[in-house]
Amino acid sequence: MCQQISEGTRWAKCGHFQRHMVVAILDCNSQRCTKSVYHPSNCRLPTCVNIFNTEIQRDVDRVDEYCFACRAAQARAAGVRLT
């Protein structure tokens, strides 16, 4: 399966990745992958793969903090209301 190559921020304390943009597609060169340039445009086989494989994540910056979702979850667990 083809893969997206994404650039973004890595949140160091939780390890989550926040994608900023997809910069490229790594082609798997398979005729059975609908994302590949080698897949025939007239193919109608239901057995062809129609999704990307796990994305390749490139860190363009690192933040020594928890991501927004993890901070919100921590606040909810502590009973703090965010406004």
N, C-alpha and C. Protein backbone atom coordinates (compact mmCIF):
# COMPACT_ATOMS: atom_id res chain seq x y z
N MET A 1 0.83 -1.18 0.00
CA MET A 1 0.00 0.00 0.00
C MET A 1 0.88 1.24 0.00
N CYS A 2 0.41 2.25 -0.67
CA CYS A 2 1.12 3.53 -0.70
C CYS A 2 1.07 4.19 0.67
N GLN A 3 2.02 5.08 0.93
CA GLN A 3 2.08 5.77 2.21
C GLN A 3 2.17 7.28 2.01
N GLN A 4 1.51 8.01 2.89
CA GLN A 4 1.64 9.46 2.90
C GLN A 4 2.85 9.82 3.76
N ILE A 5 3.61 10.82 3.33
CA ILE A 5 4.72 11.35 4.12
C ILE A 5 4.25 12.70 4.65
N SER A 6 4.16 12.80 5.98
CA SER A 6 3.61 13.99 6.62
C SER A 6 4.66 14.69 7.47
N GLU A 7 4.55 16.01 7.54
CA GLU A 7 5.39 16.81 8.42
C GLU A 7 4.51 17.44 9.48
N GLY A 8 5.06 17.54 10.71
CA GLY A 8 4.27 18.12 11.78
C GLY A 8 5.03 18.25 13.07
N THR A 9 4.27 18.47 14.13
CA THR A 9 4.81 18.68 15.47
C THR A 9 4.73 17.40 16.27
N ARG A 10 5.80 17.07 16.97
CA ARG A 10 5.81 15.92 17.90
C ARG A 10 5.72 16.49 19.31
N TRP A 11 4.72 16.06 20.06
CA TRP A 11 4.55 16.47 21.45
C TRP A 11 5.34 15.49 22.31
N ALA A 12 6.42 15.96 22.92
CA ALA A 12 7.41 15.09 23.57
C ALA A 12 6.85 14.33 24.77
N LYS A 13 6.01 14.96 25.57
CA LYS A 13 5.56 14.30 26.80
C LYS A 13 4.58 13.16 26.56
N CYS A 14 3.78 13.24 25.50
CA CYS A 14 2.83 12.16 25.22
C CYS A 14 3.20 11.38 23.96
N GLY A 15 4.09 11.95 23.12
CA GLY A 15 4.53 11.26 21.92
C GLY A 15 3.60 11.39 20.73
N HIS A 16 2.49 12.13 20.88
CA HIS A 16 1.55 12.28 19.78
C HIS A 16 2.13 13.18 18.69
N PHE A 17 1.61 12.99 17.49
CA PHE A 17 2.06 13.73 16.31
C PHE A 17 0.90 14.56 15.78
N GLN A 18 1.14 15.85 15.56
CA GLN A 18 0.13 16.73 15.00
C GLN A 18 0.56 17.08 13.57
N ARG A 19 -0.16 16.54 12.60
CA ARG A 19 0.19 16.74 11.20
C ARG A 19 -0.11 18.16 10.76
N HIS A 20 0.85 18.77 10.06
CA HIS A 20 0.65 20.09 9.46
C HIS A 20 0.29 19.94 7.99
N MET A 21 0.98 19.04 7.31
CA MET A 21 0.67 18.82 5.89
C MET A 21 1.27 17.51 5.40
N VAL A 22 0.66 16.99 4.37
CA VAL A 22 1.20 15.82 3.65
C VAL A 22 2.09 16.38 2.56
N VAL A 23 3.38 16.01 2.58
CA VAL A 23 4.34 16.59 1.64
C VAL A 23 4.60 15.70 0.44
N ALA A 24 4.29 14.41 0.56
CA ALA A 24 4.55 13.49 -0.56
C ALA A 24 3.79 12.20 -0.35
N ILE A 25 3.74 11.40 -1.42
CA ILE A 25 3.17 10.06 -1.37
C ILE A 25 4.26 9.10 -1.80
N LEU A 26 4.50 8.08 -0.99
CA LEU A 26 5.46 7.03 -1.33
C LEU A 26 4.69 5.94 -2.05
N ASP A 27 4.94 5.80 -3.33
CA ASP A 27 4.20 4.86 -4.18
C ASP A 27 4.70 3.43 -3.94
N CYS A 28 3.77 2.51 -3.78
CA CYS A 28 4.12 1.10 -3.55
C CYS A 28 4.33 0.34 -4.87
N ASN A 29 4.00 0.98 -5.98
CA ASN A 29 4.18 0.40 -7.32
C ASN A 29 3.36 -0.86 -7.54
N SER A 30 2.21 -0.96 -6.90
CA SER A 30 1.36 -2.14 -7.03
C SER A 30 0.16 -1.84 -7.92
N GLN A 31 -0.14 -2.76 -8.81
CA GLN A 31 -1.33 -2.61 -9.65
C GLN A 31 -2.61 -2.86 -8.86
N ARG A 32 -2.51 -3.42 -7.68
CA ARG A 32 -3.69 -3.71 -6.85
C ARG A 32 -3.95 -2.64 -5.80
N CYS A 33 -3.18 -1.56 -5.84
CA CYS A 33 -3.38 -0.44 -4.91
C CYS A 33 -3.96 0.74 -5.70
N THR A 34 -5.14 1.19 -5.33
CA THR A 34 -5.79 2.26 -6.08
C THR A 34 -5.06 3.60 -5.94
N LYS A 35 -4.19 3.75 -4.97
CA LYS A 35 -3.44 4.99 -4.77
C LYS A 35 -2.18 5.04 -5.62
N SER A 36 -1.78 3.92 -6.20
CA SER A 36 -0.54 3.84 -6.98
C SER A 36 -0.76 4.33 -8.41
N VAL A 37 0.29 4.89 -9.00
CA VAL A 37 0.21 5.30 -10.41
C VAL A 37 0.15 4.09 -11.33
N TYR A 38 0.50 2.91 -10.82
CA TYR A 38 0.47 1.68 -11.61
C TYR A 38 -0.89 1.00 -11.62
N HIS A 39 -1.84 1.51 -10.84
CA HIS A 39 -3.18 0.93 -10.81
C HIS A 39 -3.93 1.34 -12.08
N PRO A 40 -4.46 0.39 -12.82
CA PRO A 40 -5.19 0.74 -14.06
C PRO A 40 -6.41 1.62 -13.77
N SER A 41 -6.58 2.67 -14.53
CA SER A 41 -7.69 3.60 -14.29
C SER A 41 -9.05 2.97 -14.57
N ASN A 42 -9.09 1.94 -15.40
CA ASN A 42 -10.36 1.29 -15.72
C ASN A 42 -10.65 0.08 -14.84
N CYS A 43 -9.85 -0.15 -13.81
CA CYS A 43 -10.02 -1.32 -12.93
C CYS A 43 -11.27 -1.14 -12.06
N ARG A 44 -12.06 -2.19 -11.94
CA ARG A 44 -13.25 -2.18 -11.10
C ARG A 44 -13.26 -3.38 -10.13
N LEU A 45 -12.09 -3.97 -9.91
CA LEU A 45 -12.00 -5.12 -9.01
C LEU A 45 -12.24 -4.69 -7.56
N PRO A 46 -13.12 -5.39 -6.85
CA PRO A 46 -13.37 -5.03 -5.45
C PRO A 46 -12.24 -5.46 -4.51
N THR A 47 -11.29 -6.25 -5.01
CA THR A 47 -10.20 -6.74 -4.17
C THR A 47 -9.02 -5.78 -4.10
N CYS A 48 -9.04 -4.70 -4.87
CA CYS A 48 -7.94 -3.73 -4.83
C CYS A 48 -7.98 -2.94 -3.52
N VAL A 49 -6.80 -2.61 -3.03
CA VAL A 49 -6.67 -1.86 -1.78
C VAL A 49 -6.97 -0.39 -2.06
N ASN A 50 -7.83 0.22 -1.22
CA ASN A 50 -8.28 1.58 -1.46
C ASN A 50 -7.91 2.54 -0.32
N ILE A 51 -6.93 2.16 0.50
CA ILE A 51 -6.53 3.02 1.62
C ILE A 51 -5.01 3.15 1.63
N PHE A 52 -4.53 4.18 2.33
CA PHE A 52 -3.10 4.34 2.53
C PHE A 52 -2.64 3.47 3.69
N ASN A 53 -1.39 3.05 3.62
CA ASN A 53 -0.75 2.36 4.74
C ASN A 53 -0.43 3.41 5.82
N THR A 54 0.13 3.00 6.93
CA THR A 54 0.50 3.91 8.00
C THR A 54 1.38 5.03 7.47
N GLU A 55 1.06 6.27 7.86
CA GLU A 55 1.82 7.40 7.34
C GLU A 55 3.23 7.44 7.91
N ILE A 56 4.14 8.01 7.15
CA ILE A 56 5.50 8.26 7.58
C ILE A 56 5.51 9.66 8.17
N GLN A 57 5.89 9.77 9.44
CA GLN A 57 5.81 11.05 10.14
C GLN A 57 7.20 11.67 10.28
N ARG A 58 7.34 12.89 9.77
CA ARG A 58 8.59 13.65 9.90
C ARG A 58 8.35 14.78 10.88
N ASP A 59 9.15 14.82 11.92
CA ASP A 59 9.03 15.89 12.91
C ASP A 59 9.74 17.14 12.40
N VAL A 60 8.99 18.24 12.29
CA VAL A 60 9.61 19.51 11.92
C VAL A 60 9.90 20.34 13.17
N ASP A 61 9.21 20.02 14.26
CA ASP A 61 9.53 20.62 15.55
C ASP A 61 9.02 19.71 16.66
N ARG A 62 9.62 19.89 17.85
CA ARG A 62 9.23 19.13 19.04
C ARG A 62 8.86 20.12 20.13
N VAL A 63 7.76 19.82 20.80
CA VAL A 63 7.31 20.66 21.90
C VAL A 63 7.38 19.81 23.16
N ASP A 64 8.07 20.32 24.18
CA ASP A 64 8.24 19.58 25.43
C ASP A 64 7.01 19.79 26.31
N GLU A 65 5.90 19.25 25.84
CA GLU A 65 4.61 19.43 26.51
C GLU A 65 3.68 18.31 26.06
N TYR A 66 2.51 18.20 26.69
CA TYR A 66 1.47 17.29 26.24
C TYR A 66 0.69 17.96 25.12
N CYS A 67 0.15 17.16 24.20
CA CYS A 67 -0.67 17.72 23.12
C CYS A 67 -1.97 18.27 23.68
N PHE A 68 -2.71 19.00 22.84
CA PHE A 68 -3.95 19.63 23.28
C PHE A 68 -4.98 18.61 23.77
N ALA A 69 -5.11 17.49 23.07
CA ALA A 69 -6.08 16.48 23.46
C ALA A 69 -5.72 15.86 24.81
N CYS A 70 -4.44 15.61 25.03
CA CYS A 70 -4.02 15.03 26.31
C CYS A 70 -4.21 16.03 27.45
N ARG A 71 -3.92 17.31 27.19
CA ARG A 71 -4.14 18.33 28.23
C ARG A 71 -5.62 18.45 28.57
N ALA A 72 -6.48 18.38 27.57
CA ALA A 72 -7.92 18.46 27.81
C ALA A 72 -8.40 17.24 28.60
N ALA A 73 -7.88 16.07 28.27
CA ALA A 73 -8.25 14.85 29.00
C ALA A 73 -7.79 14.92 30.45
N GLN A 74 -6.60 15.47 30.66
CA GLN A 74 -6.09 15.62 32.03
C GLN A 74 -6.96 16.60 32.82
N ALA A 75 -7.38 17.68 32.16
CA ALA A 75 -8.22 18.67 32.83
C ALA A 75 -9.58 18.08 33.18
N ARG A 76 -10.16 17.29 32.26
CA ARG A 76 -11.45 16.64 32.54
C ARG A 76 -11.31 15.67 33.72
N ALA A 77 -10.22 14.91 33.75
CA ALA A 77 -10.01 13.95 34.82
C ALA A 77 -9.84 14.66 36.16
N ALA A 78 -9.27 15.87 36.13
CA ALA A 78 -9.05 16.62 37.36
C ALA A 78 -10.28 17.45 37.74
N GLY A 79 -11.29 17.47 36.86
CA GLY A 79 -12.51 18.22 37.14
C GLY A 79 -12.38 19.72 36.86
N VAL A 80 -11.39 20.10 36.07
CA VAL A 80 -11.19 21.50 35.72
C VAL A 80 -11.95 21.81 34.44
N ARG A 81 -12.67 22.93 34.43
CA ARG A 81 -13.42 23.31 33.22
C ARG A 81 -12.59 24.29 32.40
N LEU A 82 -12.38 23.96 31.13
CA LEU A 82 -11.63 24.81 30.22
C LEU A 82 -12.60 25.74 29.51
N THR A 83 -12.27 27.02 29.42
CA THR A 83 -13.13 27.97 28.69
C THR A 83 -12.39 28.59 27.56
